[in-house]
Amino acid sequence: MTNRSLVVRRASVLASSVALLGLLAGCGSGDGTPSAPRTESGTAAPATGTSTASNSAPSGVPTDAVSNSLTPSAPPSPAAGTRCHTSELSASVGRNDPGAGQENFPVVLTNTSSRTCTLYGYPGTAFVDASGKQLGPDPERSSTGPETVKLAPGQSAWAGLSFANPEVSGAATATPAALVVTPPDEEDPLKVTWKGGEVPVSGNESSVRLIPFSAGTGA
């Protein structure tokens, strides 16, 4: 009889414990409602299969617009280790190729070094008098997209320099002694004797325009 009473008492205690555990399991954070699943902030959004990229224009190279689409962008400016330095180049101005009231001269840089190097973008140019004073405003750069031009030893690249014929435009003129040419991303200039006659230096039609370097001499 004693053993039977002990078994009944143990069964009662076990049932009470199970009931208590069930009550605790139904509680949430203590406010009487079940806890909701936690959501971590910063979760990545589902992939959509498309992406966009911001295409910035290389430094010093103008563009008409900045595209956020995946259209091909202009190549980056060459690294300093591959770019042509002033000491590795010679400069010249090619023959005028006039047309439609425009004077068009190729500004040519030739690799005189023993290594292959690259040019990207526009030259710095300025007409100067015999004392080195600049004549006229800085040239305007076209919106043409630049390309990297690789120059093996002895090879050349040219950039177009053009302006309206002063006799047609009526702009004030001067005859430069030289054209100062600075290779892209360089600080040291090269000086070329100017033999192209008068150039516009003031007035509404005094703009001189540049297009970026292309392979060859422009002849």
N, C-alpha and C. Protein backbone atom coordinates (compact mmCIF):
# COMPACT_ATOMS: atom_id res chain seq x y z
N MET A 1 0.83 -1.20 0.00
CA MET A 1 0.00 0.00 0.00
C MET A 1 0.86 1.24 0.00
N THR A 2 1.89 1.17 0.82
CA THR A 2 2.82 2.31 0.87
C THR A 2 3.47 2.56 -0.48
N ASN A 3 3.87 1.46 -1.14
CA ASN A 3 4.52 1.60 -2.45
C ASN A 3 3.57 2.19 -3.47
N ARG A 4 2.28 1.78 -3.42
CA ARG A 4 1.31 2.33 -4.39
C ARG A 4 1.11 3.82 -4.17
N SER A 5 1.06 4.27 -2.94
CA SER A 5 0.90 5.71 -2.66
C SER A 5 2.09 6.50 -3.18
N LEU A 6 3.30 5.92 -3.06
CA LEU A 6 4.51 6.61 -3.52
C LEU A 6 4.49 6.78 -5.03
N VAL A 7 4.02 5.72 -5.74
CA VAL A 7 3.95 5.80 -7.22
C VAL A 7 2.97 6.87 -7.64
N VAL A 8 1.78 6.93 -6.97
CA VAL A 8 0.77 7.94 -7.32
C VAL A 8 1.30 9.33 -7.09
N ARG A 9 2.05 9.54 -5.96
CA ARG A 9 2.60 10.88 -5.64
C ARG A 9 3.60 11.33 -6.70
N ARG A 10 4.46 10.39 -7.12
CA ARG A 10 5.46 10.74 -8.16
C ARG A 10 4.79 11.09 -9.49
N ALA A 11 3.75 10.33 -9.84
CA ALA A 11 3.04 10.62 -11.08
C ALA A 11 2.40 12.00 -11.03
N SER A 12 1.87 12.39 -9.87
CA SER A 12 1.24 13.70 -9.73
C SER A 12 2.25 14.83 -9.87
N VAL A 13 3.44 14.62 -9.23
CA VAL A 13 4.51 15.66 -9.33
C VAL A 13 4.96 15.81 -10.77
N LEU A 14 5.13 14.69 -11.50
CA LEU A 14 5.58 14.73 -12.89
C LEU A 14 4.56 15.46 -13.77
N ALA A 15 3.27 15.19 -13.53
CA ALA A 15 2.23 15.86 -14.33
C ALA A 15 2.24 17.35 -14.09
N SER A 16 2.46 17.76 -12.85
CA SER A 16 2.51 19.21 -12.54
C SER A 16 3.68 19.87 -13.24
N SER A 17 4.84 19.18 -13.26
CA SER A 17 6.04 19.75 -13.91
C SER A 17 5.81 19.93 -15.40
N VAL A 18 5.17 18.92 -16.03
CA VAL A 18 4.90 19.04 -17.46
C VAL A 18 3.97 20.20 -17.74
N ALA A 19 2.97 20.37 -16.91
CA ALA A 19 2.03 21.49 -17.10
C ALA A 19 2.72 22.83 -16.96
N LEU A 20 3.64 22.94 -15.99
CA LEU A 20 4.37 24.19 -15.76
C LEU A 20 5.26 24.51 -16.95
N LEU A 21 5.95 23.50 -17.50
CA LEU A 21 6.81 23.72 -18.67
C LEU A 21 5.99 24.17 -19.86
N GLY A 22 4.79 23.59 -20.03
CA GLY A 22 3.93 24.00 -21.14
C GLY A 22 3.51 25.44 -21.01
N LEU A 23 3.24 25.91 -19.79
CA LEU A 23 2.86 27.30 -19.58
C LEU A 23 3.99 28.24 -19.91
N LEU A 24 5.21 27.88 -19.47
CA LEU A 24 6.37 28.73 -19.75
C LEU A 24 6.66 28.78 -21.23
N ALA A 25 6.48 27.68 -21.96
CA ALA A 25 6.77 27.65 -23.38
C ALA A 25 5.85 28.56 -24.15
N GLY A 26 4.66 28.84 -23.69
CA GLY A 26 3.71 29.69 -24.39
C GLY A 26 3.95 31.16 -24.16
N CYS A 27 4.84 31.52 -23.24
CA CYS A 27 5.10 32.94 -22.93
C CYS A 27 6.11 33.50 -23.91
N GLY A 28 5.99 34.84 -24.20
CA GLY A 28 6.95 35.49 -25.08
C GLY A 28 7.98 36.25 -24.28
N SER A 29 7.92 37.58 -24.36
CA SER A 29 8.90 38.41 -23.68
C SER A 29 8.40 38.85 -22.32
N GLY A 30 7.36 38.22 -21.85
CA GLY A 30 6.87 38.56 -20.52
C GLY A 30 5.64 39.41 -20.54
N ASP A 31 5.11 39.74 -21.76
CA ASP A 31 3.93 40.57 -21.80
C ASP A 31 2.68 39.77 -22.09
N GLY A 32 2.81 38.46 -22.06
CA GLY A 32 1.64 37.60 -22.23
C GLY A 32 1.39 37.22 -23.67
N THR A 33 2.21 37.71 -24.63
CA THR A 33 2.05 37.36 -26.04
C THR A 33 3.29 36.67 -26.54
N PRO A 34 3.16 35.75 -27.51
CA PRO A 34 4.34 35.05 -28.02
C PRO A 34 5.28 36.01 -28.71
N SER A 35 6.59 35.74 -28.61
CA SER A 35 7.60 36.58 -29.26
C SER A 35 7.57 36.37 -30.76
N ALA A 36 7.65 37.46 -31.54
CA ALA A 36 7.69 37.37 -33.00
C ALA A 36 9.11 37.06 -33.45
N PRO A 37 9.28 36.43 -34.66
CA PRO A 37 10.63 36.16 -35.17
C PRO A 37 11.39 37.46 -35.36
N ARG A 38 12.68 37.49 -35.05
CA ARG A 38 13.51 38.69 -35.17
C ARG A 38 13.99 38.85 -36.60
N THR A 39 14.00 40.09 -37.12
CA THR A 39 14.50 40.41 -38.46
C THR A 39 15.72 41.32 -38.31
N GLU A 40 16.87 40.89 -38.86
CA GLU A 40 18.09 41.69 -38.76
C GLU A 40 18.08 42.78 -39.83
N SER A 41 18.52 43.97 -39.45
CA SER A 41 18.59 45.06 -40.41
C SER A 41 19.80 44.85 -41.32
N GLY A 42 19.76 45.48 -42.50
CA GLY A 42 20.88 45.37 -43.43
C GLY A 42 20.83 44.12 -44.27
N THR A 43 19.71 43.45 -44.32
CA THR A 43 19.59 42.25 -45.13
C THR A 43 19.58 42.63 -46.59
N ALA A 44 20.37 41.90 -47.41
CA ALA A 44 20.46 42.22 -48.82
C ALA A 44 19.14 41.97 -49.51
N ALA A 45 18.82 42.86 -50.47
CA ALA A 45 17.59 42.68 -51.25
C ALA A 45 17.79 41.54 -52.22
N PRO A 46 16.71 40.89 -52.63
CA PRO A 46 16.83 39.80 -53.61
C PRO A 46 17.45 40.28 -54.90
N ALA A 47 18.27 39.44 -55.52
CA ALA A 47 18.90 39.79 -56.80
C ALA A 47 17.84 39.88 -57.87
N THR A 48 17.99 40.88 -58.78
CA THR A 48 17.02 41.06 -59.86
C THR A 48 17.57 40.65 -61.20
N GLY A 49 18.87 40.32 -61.27
CA GLY A 49 19.46 39.92 -62.54
C GLY A 49 20.03 41.06 -63.34
N THR A 50 19.91 42.31 -62.84
CA THR A 50 20.48 43.47 -63.52
C THR A 50 21.26 44.28 -62.53
N SER A 51 22.15 45.13 -63.06
CA SER A 51 22.93 46.02 -62.20
C SER A 51 23.24 47.27 -62.97
N THR A 52 23.62 48.31 -62.24
CA THR A 52 24.01 49.56 -62.87
C THR A 52 25.33 49.99 -62.31
N ALA A 53 26.03 50.83 -63.07
CA ALA A 53 27.32 51.35 -62.63
C ALA A 53 27.41 52.79 -63.05
N SER A 54 28.06 53.60 -62.22
CA SER A 54 28.26 55.01 -62.53
C SER A 54 29.56 55.16 -63.28
N ASN A 55 29.48 55.70 -64.51
CA ASN A 55 30.68 55.87 -65.33
C ASN A 55 31.16 57.30 -65.24
N SER A 56 32.21 57.56 -64.49
CA SER A 56 32.73 58.90 -64.35
C SER A 56 33.72 59.17 -65.48
N ALA A 57 33.81 60.26 -65.93
CA ALA A 57 34.76 60.67 -66.88
C ALA A 57 36.13 60.74 -66.29
N PRO A 58 37.16 60.15 -67.13
CA PRO A 58 38.46 60.35 -66.68
C PRO A 58 38.82 61.76 -66.48
N SER A 59 39.93 62.00 -65.33
CA SER A 59 40.33 63.34 -65.04
C SER A 59 40.93 64.01 -66.22
N GLY A 60 40.23 65.39 -66.46
CA GLY A 60 40.79 66.12 -67.55
C GLY A 60 40.18 65.84 -68.88
N VAL A 61 39.26 64.87 -68.99
CA VAL A 61 38.63 64.51 -70.24
C VAL A 61 37.16 64.84 -70.18
N PRO A 62 36.61 65.83 -70.97
CA PRO A 62 35.20 66.19 -70.87
C PRO A 62 34.30 65.14 -71.48
N THR A 63 33.10 65.00 -70.98
CA THR A 63 32.09 64.12 -71.56
C THR A 63 30.78 64.87 -71.60
N ASP A 64 29.87 64.47 -72.50
CA ASP A 64 28.58 65.15 -72.62
C ASP A 64 27.66 64.79 -71.48
N ALA A 65 27.77 63.59 -70.96
CA ALA A 65 26.88 63.14 -69.89
C ALA A 65 27.54 62.01 -69.14
N VAL A 66 27.08 61.79 -67.92
CA VAL A 66 27.53 60.64 -67.14
C VAL A 66 26.43 59.61 -67.18
N SER A 67 26.79 58.39 -67.63
CA SER A 67 25.79 57.34 -67.78
C SER A 67 25.81 56.41 -66.59
N ASN A 68 24.64 56.01 -66.13
CA ASN A 68 24.54 55.04 -65.05
C ASN A 68 24.18 53.66 -65.57
N SER A 69 24.23 53.49 -66.89
CA SER A 69 23.91 52.19 -67.47
C SER A 69 25.19 51.38 -67.62
N LEU A 70 25.06 50.17 -68.14
CA LEU A 70 26.21 49.30 -68.32
C LEU A 70 26.80 49.46 -69.71
N THR A 71 26.62 50.61 -70.33
CA THR A 71 27.24 50.85 -71.61
C THR A 71 28.75 50.96 -71.43
N PRO A 72 29.54 50.56 -72.46
CA PRO A 72 31.01 50.61 -72.30
C PRO A 72 31.47 52.01 -71.99
N SER A 73 32.39 52.14 -71.08
CA SER A 73 32.92 53.44 -70.70
C SER A 73 34.30 53.61 -71.31
N ALA A 74 34.81 54.84 -71.28
CA ALA A 74 36.14 55.11 -71.80
C ALA A 74 37.18 54.38 -70.96
N PRO A 75 38.25 53.91 -71.58
CA PRO A 75 39.28 53.22 -70.80
C PRO A 75 39.93 54.16 -69.81
N PRO A 76 40.40 53.65 -68.70
CA PRO A 76 41.04 54.52 -67.72
C PRO A 76 42.35 55.09 -68.23
N SER A 77 42.74 56.21 -67.66
CA SER A 77 44.02 56.80 -68.02
C SER A 77 45.14 55.83 -67.67
N PRO A 78 46.16 55.72 -68.55
CA PRO A 78 47.21 54.75 -68.29
C PRO A 78 47.96 55.02 -66.99
N ALA A 79 48.44 53.98 -66.39
CA ALA A 79 49.20 54.11 -65.15
C ALA A 79 50.50 54.86 -65.42
N ALA A 80 51.02 55.47 -64.36
CA ALA A 80 52.23 56.28 -64.50
C ALA A 80 53.39 55.46 -65.04
N GLY A 81 53.39 54.16 -64.78
CA GLY A 81 54.50 53.33 -65.23
C GLY A 81 54.53 53.10 -66.73
N THR A 82 53.39 53.30 -67.42
CA THR A 82 53.35 53.06 -68.86
C THR A 82 53.24 54.34 -69.67
N ARG A 83 52.86 55.44 -69.06
CA ARG A 83 52.63 56.65 -69.82
C ARG A 83 53.94 57.23 -70.34
N CYS A 84 53.84 57.89 -71.50
CA CYS A 84 55.00 58.55 -72.10
C CYS A 84 55.32 59.82 -71.32
N HIS A 85 56.56 60.00 -70.97
CA HIS A 85 57.00 61.20 -70.28
C HIS A 85 57.60 62.19 -71.28
N THR A 86 57.60 63.45 -70.92
CA THR A 86 58.10 64.50 -71.81
C THR A 86 59.49 64.19 -72.32
N SER A 87 60.35 63.67 -71.44
CA SER A 87 61.74 63.39 -71.82
C SER A 87 61.86 62.27 -72.86
N GLU A 88 60.77 61.54 -73.08
CA GLU A 88 60.78 60.43 -74.03
C GLU A 88 60.14 60.80 -75.37
N LEU A 89 59.76 62.06 -75.52
CA LEU A 89 58.99 62.48 -76.69
C LEU A 89 59.62 63.67 -77.41
N SER A 90 59.34 63.75 -78.68
CA SER A 90 59.61 64.97 -79.45
C SER A 90 58.30 65.46 -80.01
N ALA A 91 58.19 66.76 -80.26
CA ALA A 91 56.94 67.35 -80.73
C ALA A 91 57.16 68.05 -82.07
N SER A 92 56.11 68.04 -82.86
CA SER A 92 56.13 68.75 -84.14
C SER A 92 54.70 69.13 -84.50
N VAL A 93 54.57 70.03 -85.46
CA VAL A 93 53.26 70.42 -85.96
C VAL A 93 53.23 70.08 -87.44
N GLY A 94 52.22 69.30 -87.84
CA GLY A 94 52.12 68.89 -89.23
C GLY A 94 51.55 69.97 -90.13
N ARG A 95 51.38 69.59 -91.39
CA ARG A 95 50.91 70.53 -92.41
C ARG A 95 49.43 70.86 -92.21
N ASN A 96 49.09 72.10 -92.47
CA ASN A 96 47.71 72.55 -92.37
C ASN A 96 46.83 71.84 -93.41
N ASP A 97 45.65 71.44 -92.99
CA ASP A 97 44.67 70.83 -93.89
C ASP A 97 43.39 71.65 -93.80
N PRO A 98 43.34 72.80 -94.50
CA PRO A 98 42.21 73.72 -94.35
C PRO A 98 40.95 73.17 -95.01
N GLY A 99 39.83 73.67 -94.51
CA GLY A 99 38.56 73.29 -95.11
C GLY A 99 37.40 73.99 -94.44
N ALA A 100 36.43 74.44 -95.24
CA ALA A 100 35.21 75.08 -94.75
C ALA A 100 35.51 76.23 -93.78
N GLY A 101 36.49 77.05 -94.14
CA GLY A 101 36.83 78.20 -93.30
C GLY A 101 37.59 77.85 -92.04
N GLN A 102 38.06 76.61 -91.93
CA GLN A 102 38.80 76.14 -90.76
C GLN A 102 40.26 75.86 -91.12
N GLU A 103 41.12 76.16 -90.17
CA GLU A 103 42.53 75.77 -90.28
C GLU A 103 42.75 74.60 -89.33
N ASN A 104 43.33 73.52 -89.84
CA ASN A 104 43.45 72.28 -89.08
C ASN A 104 44.88 71.78 -89.10
N PHE A 105 45.49 71.73 -87.92
CA PHE A 105 46.89 71.31 -87.80
C PHE A 105 46.99 70.08 -86.89
N PRO A 106 47.76 69.06 -87.28
CA PRO A 106 48.02 67.96 -86.37
C PRO A 106 49.22 68.28 -85.46
N VAL A 107 49.00 68.15 -84.16
CA VAL A 107 50.08 68.29 -83.19
C VAL A 107 50.60 66.87 -82.91
N VAL A 108 51.86 66.63 -83.27
CA VAL A 108 52.39 65.26 -83.29
C VAL A 108 53.42 65.07 -82.17
N LEU A 109 53.27 63.98 -81.44
CA LEU A 109 54.26 63.55 -80.46
C LEU A 109 54.83 62.21 -80.91
N THR A 110 56.16 62.11 -80.90
CA THR A 110 56.84 60.89 -81.34
C THR A 110 57.65 60.31 -80.20
N ASN A 111 57.56 59.00 -80.04
CA ASN A 111 58.30 58.31 -78.99
C ASN A 111 59.76 58.18 -79.39
N THR A 112 60.63 58.88 -78.70
CA THR A 112 62.06 58.83 -79.00
C THR A 112 62.82 57.93 -78.03
N SER A 113 62.11 57.25 -77.15
CA SER A 113 62.77 56.40 -76.15
C SER A 113 62.95 54.98 -76.71
N SER A 114 63.51 54.12 -75.89
CA SER A 114 63.74 52.72 -76.28
C SER A 114 62.67 51.78 -75.72
N ARG A 115 61.63 52.35 -75.11
CA ARG A 115 60.56 51.52 -74.55
C ARG A 115 59.22 51.91 -75.17
N THR A 116 58.24 51.01 -75.06
CA THR A 116 56.88 51.31 -75.49
C THR A 116 56.16 52.06 -74.37
N CYS A 117 55.48 53.13 -74.74
CA CYS A 117 54.74 53.92 -73.74
C CYS A 117 53.39 54.31 -74.31
N THR A 118 52.58 54.96 -73.51
CA THR A 118 51.21 55.27 -73.93
C THR A 118 50.86 56.74 -73.73
N LEU A 119 49.94 57.20 -74.57
CA LEU A 119 49.36 58.54 -74.45
C LEU A 119 47.85 58.38 -74.32
N TYR A 120 47.24 59.24 -73.51
CA TYR A 120 45.79 59.19 -73.33
C TYR A 120 45.27 60.60 -73.10
N GLY A 121 44.38 61.04 -73.98
CA GLY A 121 43.75 62.33 -73.75
C GLY A 121 44.24 63.42 -74.69
N TYR A 122 44.40 64.60 -74.14
CA TYR A 122 44.72 65.80 -74.90
C TYR A 122 46.09 66.34 -74.52
N PRO A 123 46.76 67.01 -75.46
CA PRO A 123 47.96 67.74 -75.06
C PRO A 123 47.57 69.08 -74.45
N GLY A 124 48.43 69.63 -73.63
CA GLY A 124 48.28 71.02 -73.25
C GLY A 124 48.95 71.85 -74.33
N THR A 125 48.28 72.87 -74.83
CA THR A 125 48.86 73.69 -75.90
C THR A 125 48.65 75.17 -75.61
N ALA A 126 49.58 75.97 -76.09
CA ALA A 126 49.45 77.43 -75.96
C ALA A 126 50.34 78.09 -77.01
N PHE A 127 49.78 79.07 -77.70
CA PHE A 127 50.60 79.90 -78.59
C PHE A 127 51.33 80.94 -77.73
N VAL A 128 52.61 81.14 -78.02
CA VAL A 128 53.39 82.12 -77.26
C VAL A 128 54.19 83.01 -78.21
N ASP A 129 54.51 84.21 -77.74
CA ASP A 129 55.36 85.10 -78.53
C ASP A 129 56.82 84.82 -78.23
N ALA A 130 57.71 85.65 -78.76
CA ALA A 130 59.15 85.40 -78.61
C ALA A 130 59.61 85.46 -77.16
N SER A 131 58.88 86.19 -76.32
CA SER A 131 59.24 86.30 -74.90
C SER A 131 58.63 85.19 -74.06
N GLY A 132 57.83 84.34 -74.68
CA GLY A 132 57.17 83.26 -73.96
C GLY A 132 55.81 83.61 -73.40
N LYS A 133 55.28 84.80 -73.72
CA LYS A 133 53.97 85.20 -73.24
C LYS A 133 52.89 84.53 -74.07
N GLN A 134 51.85 84.01 -73.39
CA GLN A 134 50.77 83.32 -74.09
C GLN A 134 49.94 84.30 -74.90
N LEU A 135 49.56 83.87 -76.09
CA LEU A 135 48.72 84.65 -76.98
C LEU A 135 47.35 83.98 -77.08
N GLY A 136 46.32 84.70 -76.70
CA GLY A 136 44.98 84.16 -76.81
C GLY A 136 44.61 83.27 -75.64
N PRO A 137 43.34 82.86 -75.58
CA PRO A 137 42.86 82.03 -74.48
C PRO A 137 43.30 80.58 -74.63
N ASP A 138 43.11 79.81 -73.57
CA ASP A 138 43.40 78.37 -73.64
C ASP A 138 42.48 77.71 -74.65
N PRO A 139 42.97 76.71 -75.37
CA PRO A 139 42.10 76.00 -76.33
C PRO A 139 40.97 75.27 -75.63
N GLU A 140 39.90 75.07 -76.37
CA GLU A 140 38.77 74.30 -75.89
C GLU A 140 38.93 72.84 -76.32
N ARG A 141 38.52 71.91 -75.45
CA ARG A 141 38.61 70.50 -75.78
C ARG A 141 37.28 69.98 -76.30
N SER A 142 37.34 69.15 -77.32
CA SER A 142 36.13 68.58 -77.90
C SER A 142 35.56 67.53 -76.95
N SER A 143 34.33 67.10 -77.24
CA SER A 143 33.70 66.07 -76.43
C SER A 143 34.00 64.67 -76.95
N THR A 144 34.90 64.56 -77.91
CA THR A 144 35.27 63.25 -78.45
C THR A 144 35.91 62.41 -77.34
N GLY A 145 35.49 61.16 -77.23
CA GLY A 145 36.04 60.28 -76.20
C GLY A 145 37.48 59.90 -76.49
N PRO A 146 38.39 60.09 -75.54
CA PRO A 146 39.80 59.73 -75.76
C PRO A 146 39.99 58.22 -75.80
N GLU A 147 41.10 57.80 -76.36
CA GLU A 147 41.49 56.40 -76.35
C GLU A 147 42.98 56.31 -76.01
N THR A 148 43.36 55.19 -75.44
CA THR A 148 44.77 54.99 -75.12
C THR A 148 45.53 54.63 -76.39
N VAL A 149 46.60 55.37 -76.67
CA VAL A 149 47.42 55.12 -77.85
C VAL A 149 48.76 54.57 -77.39
N LYS A 150 49.09 53.38 -77.87
CA LYS A 150 50.35 52.74 -77.50
C LYS A 150 51.41 53.08 -78.55
N LEU A 151 52.54 53.60 -78.08
CA LEU A 151 53.61 54.00 -78.98
C LEU A 151 54.85 53.15 -78.75
N ALA A 152 55.20 52.34 -79.74
CA ALA A 152 56.48 51.66 -79.72
C ALA A 152 57.56 52.69 -80.06
N PRO A 153 58.81 52.40 -79.79
CA PRO A 153 59.88 53.34 -80.14
C PRO A 153 59.78 53.78 -81.60
N GLY A 154 59.80 55.10 -81.82
CA GLY A 154 59.74 55.64 -83.17
C GLY A 154 58.33 55.93 -83.67
N GLN A 155 57.29 55.44 -82.99
CA GLN A 155 55.93 55.68 -83.44
C GLN A 155 55.39 57.01 -82.93
N SER A 156 54.33 57.49 -83.60
CA SER A 156 53.78 58.82 -83.30
C SER A 156 52.29 58.77 -83.04
N ALA A 157 51.81 59.81 -82.38
CA ALA A 157 50.38 60.05 -82.19
C ALA A 157 50.12 61.53 -82.46
N TRP A 158 48.91 61.83 -82.90
CA TRP A 158 48.59 63.23 -83.20
C TRP A 158 47.28 63.65 -82.56
N ALA A 159 47.20 64.92 -82.22
CA ALA A 159 45.98 65.55 -81.71
C ALA A 159 45.65 66.72 -82.62
N GLY A 160 44.38 66.84 -82.97
CA GLY A 160 43.99 67.90 -83.90
C GLY A 160 43.83 69.26 -83.22
N LEU A 161 44.39 70.28 -83.84
CA LEU A 161 44.26 71.66 -83.38
C LEU A 161 43.63 72.45 -84.52
N SER A 162 42.51 73.10 -84.26
CA SER A 162 41.82 73.82 -85.34
C SER A 162 41.26 75.14 -84.83
N PHE A 163 41.07 76.06 -85.78
CA PHE A 163 40.46 77.36 -85.47
C PHE A 163 39.91 77.94 -86.76
N ALA A 164 38.98 78.85 -86.62
CA ALA A 164 38.39 79.51 -87.78
C ALA A 164 39.43 80.43 -88.42
N ASN A 165 39.44 80.44 -89.74
CA ASN A 165 40.35 81.33 -90.46
C ASN A 165 40.04 82.77 -90.07
N PRO A 166 41.03 83.51 -89.55
CA PRO A 166 40.74 84.88 -89.09
C PRO A 166 40.20 85.79 -90.17
N GLU A 167 40.57 85.56 -91.44
CA GLU A 167 40.06 86.40 -92.52
C GLU A 167 38.56 86.18 -92.70
N VAL A 168 38.09 84.99 -92.33
CA VAL A 168 36.67 84.68 -92.43
C VAL A 168 35.93 85.13 -91.17
N SER A 169 36.54 84.86 -90.02
CA SER A 169 35.86 85.14 -88.74
C SER A 169 35.95 86.59 -88.32
N GLY A 170 36.98 87.28 -88.77
CA GLY A 170 37.17 88.66 -88.36
C GLY A 170 37.78 88.82 -86.98
N ALA A 171 38.29 87.72 -86.38
CA ALA A 171 38.89 87.78 -85.06
C ALA A 171 40.22 88.54 -85.11
N ALA A 172 40.59 89.18 -84.00
CA ALA A 172 41.90 89.79 -83.89
C ALA A 172 42.96 88.70 -83.90
N THR A 173 44.11 89.00 -84.46
CA THR A 173 45.12 87.97 -84.67
C THR A 173 46.49 88.36 -84.13
N ALA A 174 47.34 87.36 -84.04
CA ALA A 174 48.76 87.55 -83.72
C ALA A 174 49.51 86.41 -84.40
N THR A 175 50.78 86.61 -84.63
CA THR A 175 51.62 85.56 -85.22
C THR A 175 52.53 85.01 -84.13
N PRO A 176 52.27 83.80 -83.67
CA PRO A 176 53.08 83.23 -82.59
C PRO A 176 54.50 82.93 -83.02
N ALA A 177 55.39 82.94 -82.05
CA ALA A 177 56.75 82.47 -82.30
C ALA A 177 56.84 80.97 -82.15
N ALA A 178 56.00 80.41 -81.27
CA ALA A 178 56.07 78.97 -80.99
C ALA A 178 54.73 78.47 -80.47
N LEU A 179 54.57 77.15 -80.54
CA LEU A 179 53.47 76.46 -79.89
C LEU A 179 54.06 75.62 -78.77
N VAL A 180 53.62 75.85 -77.56
CA VAL A 180 54.08 75.07 -76.41
C VAL A 180 53.17 73.87 -76.27
N VAL A 181 53.75 72.68 -76.20
CA VAL A 181 52.99 71.44 -76.16
C VAL A 181 53.40 70.65 -74.91
N THR A 182 52.42 70.32 -74.07
CA THR A 182 52.68 69.53 -72.87
C THR A 182 51.97 68.19 -73.01
N PRO A 183 52.68 67.07 -72.97
CA PRO A 183 52.04 65.76 -73.08
C PRO A 183 51.04 65.53 -71.96
N PRO A 184 50.06 64.65 -72.17
CA PRO A 184 49.05 64.38 -71.14
C PRO A 184 49.66 63.93 -69.82
N ASP A 185 49.16 64.50 -68.72
CA ASP A 185 49.57 64.15 -67.35
C ASP A 185 51.02 64.50 -67.04
N GLU A 186 51.63 65.32 -67.88
CA GLU A 186 53.00 65.77 -67.63
C GLU A 186 53.00 67.25 -67.31
N GLU A 187 54.09 67.73 -66.73
CA GLU A 187 54.23 69.14 -66.39
C GLU A 187 55.28 69.85 -67.24
N ASP A 188 56.24 69.11 -67.74
CA ASP A 188 57.30 69.72 -68.55
C ASP A 188 56.85 69.83 -70.00
N PRO A 189 56.92 71.02 -70.60
CA PRO A 189 56.45 71.21 -71.97
C PRO A 189 57.56 71.03 -73.01
N LEU A 190 57.11 70.91 -74.25
CA LEU A 190 57.98 70.93 -75.42
C LEU A 190 57.60 72.16 -76.24
N LYS A 191 58.57 72.78 -76.88
CA LYS A 191 58.30 73.99 -77.66
C LYS A 191 58.59 73.71 -79.13
N VAL A 192 57.62 74.08 -79.97
CA VAL A 192 57.73 73.86 -81.42
C VAL A 192 57.63 75.22 -82.11
N THR A 193 58.57 75.50 -82.99
CA THR A 193 58.50 76.74 -83.77
C THR A 193 57.21 76.76 -84.59
N TRP A 194 56.45 77.85 -84.50
CA TRP A 194 55.19 77.93 -85.22
C TRP A 194 55.40 78.54 -86.61
N LYS A 195 54.97 77.81 -87.62
CA LYS A 195 55.11 78.26 -89.00
C LYS A 195 53.76 78.36 -89.70
N GLY A 196 52.70 78.36 -88.92
CA GLY A 196 51.36 78.34 -89.51
C GLY A 196 50.72 79.69 -89.71
N GLY A 197 51.49 80.78 -89.51
CA GLY A 197 50.95 82.11 -89.76
C GLY A 197 50.11 82.63 -88.60
N GLU A 198 49.22 83.56 -88.93
CA GLU A 198 48.41 84.22 -87.91
C GLU A 198 47.40 83.27 -87.28
N VAL A 199 47.13 83.54 -86.01
CA VAL A 199 46.11 82.76 -85.29
C VAL A 199 45.18 83.74 -84.58
N PRO A 200 43.93 83.35 -84.33
CA PRO A 200 43.01 84.24 -83.62
C PRO A 200 43.36 84.31 -82.14
N VAL A 201 43.34 85.53 -81.58
CA VAL A 201 43.69 85.67 -80.17
C VAL A 201 42.62 86.39 -79.35
N SER A 202 41.65 87.01 -80.01
CA SER A 202 40.56 87.66 -79.28
C SER A 202 39.38 87.86 -80.21
N GLY A 203 38.22 88.09 -79.59
CA GLY A 203 37.00 88.25 -80.37
C GLY A 203 36.11 87.02 -80.23
N ASN A 204 34.94 87.11 -80.79
CA ASN A 204 33.96 86.04 -80.65
C ASN A 204 34.38 84.75 -81.33
N GLU A 205 35.21 84.84 -82.33
CA GLU A 205 35.61 83.65 -83.09
C GLU A 205 37.08 83.30 -82.86
N SER A 206 37.54 83.54 -81.64
CA SER A 206 38.96 83.32 -81.36
C SER A 206 39.25 81.94 -80.79
N SER A 207 38.24 81.10 -80.63
CA SER A 207 38.44 79.80 -79.99
C SER A 207 39.33 78.89 -80.84
N VAL A 208 40.26 78.27 -80.15
CA VAL A 208 41.08 77.22 -80.74
C VAL A 208 40.62 75.91 -80.11
N ARG A 209 40.40 74.88 -80.93
CA ARG A 209 39.83 73.64 -80.43
C ARG A 209 40.82 72.48 -80.60
N LEU A 210 40.69 71.52 -79.70
CA LEU A 210 41.55 70.34 -79.70
C LEU A 210 40.72 69.07 -79.73
N ILE A 211 41.21 68.06 -80.46
CA ILE A 211 40.65 66.72 -80.35
C ILE A 211 41.73 65.83 -79.74
N PRO A 212 41.38 64.72 -79.07
CA PRO A 212 42.38 63.93 -78.36
C PRO A 212 43.30 63.15 -79.31
N PHE A 213 44.33 62.55 -78.73
CA PHE A 213 45.33 61.84 -79.51
C PHE A 213 44.77 60.60 -80.20
N SER A 214 45.25 60.39 -81.41
CA SER A 214 45.01 59.17 -82.17
C SER A 214 46.36 58.69 -82.70
N ALA A 215 46.42 57.42 -83.08
CA ALA A 215 47.67 56.88 -83.60
C ALA A 215 47.99 57.48 -84.97
N GLY A 216 49.28 57.66 -85.26
CA GLY A 216 49.72 58.18 -86.55
C GLY A 216 50.20 59.61 -86.45
N THR A 217 50.39 60.22 -87.62
CA THR A 217 50.89 61.59 -87.67
C THR A 217 49.83 62.57 -88.13
N GLY A 218 48.64 62.07 -88.51
CA GLY A 218 47.59 62.98 -88.98
C GLY A 218 47.80 63.47 -90.38
N ALA A 219 48.79 62.96 -91.08
CA ALA A 219 49.09 63.42 -92.44
C ALA A 219 48.13 62.76 -93.42
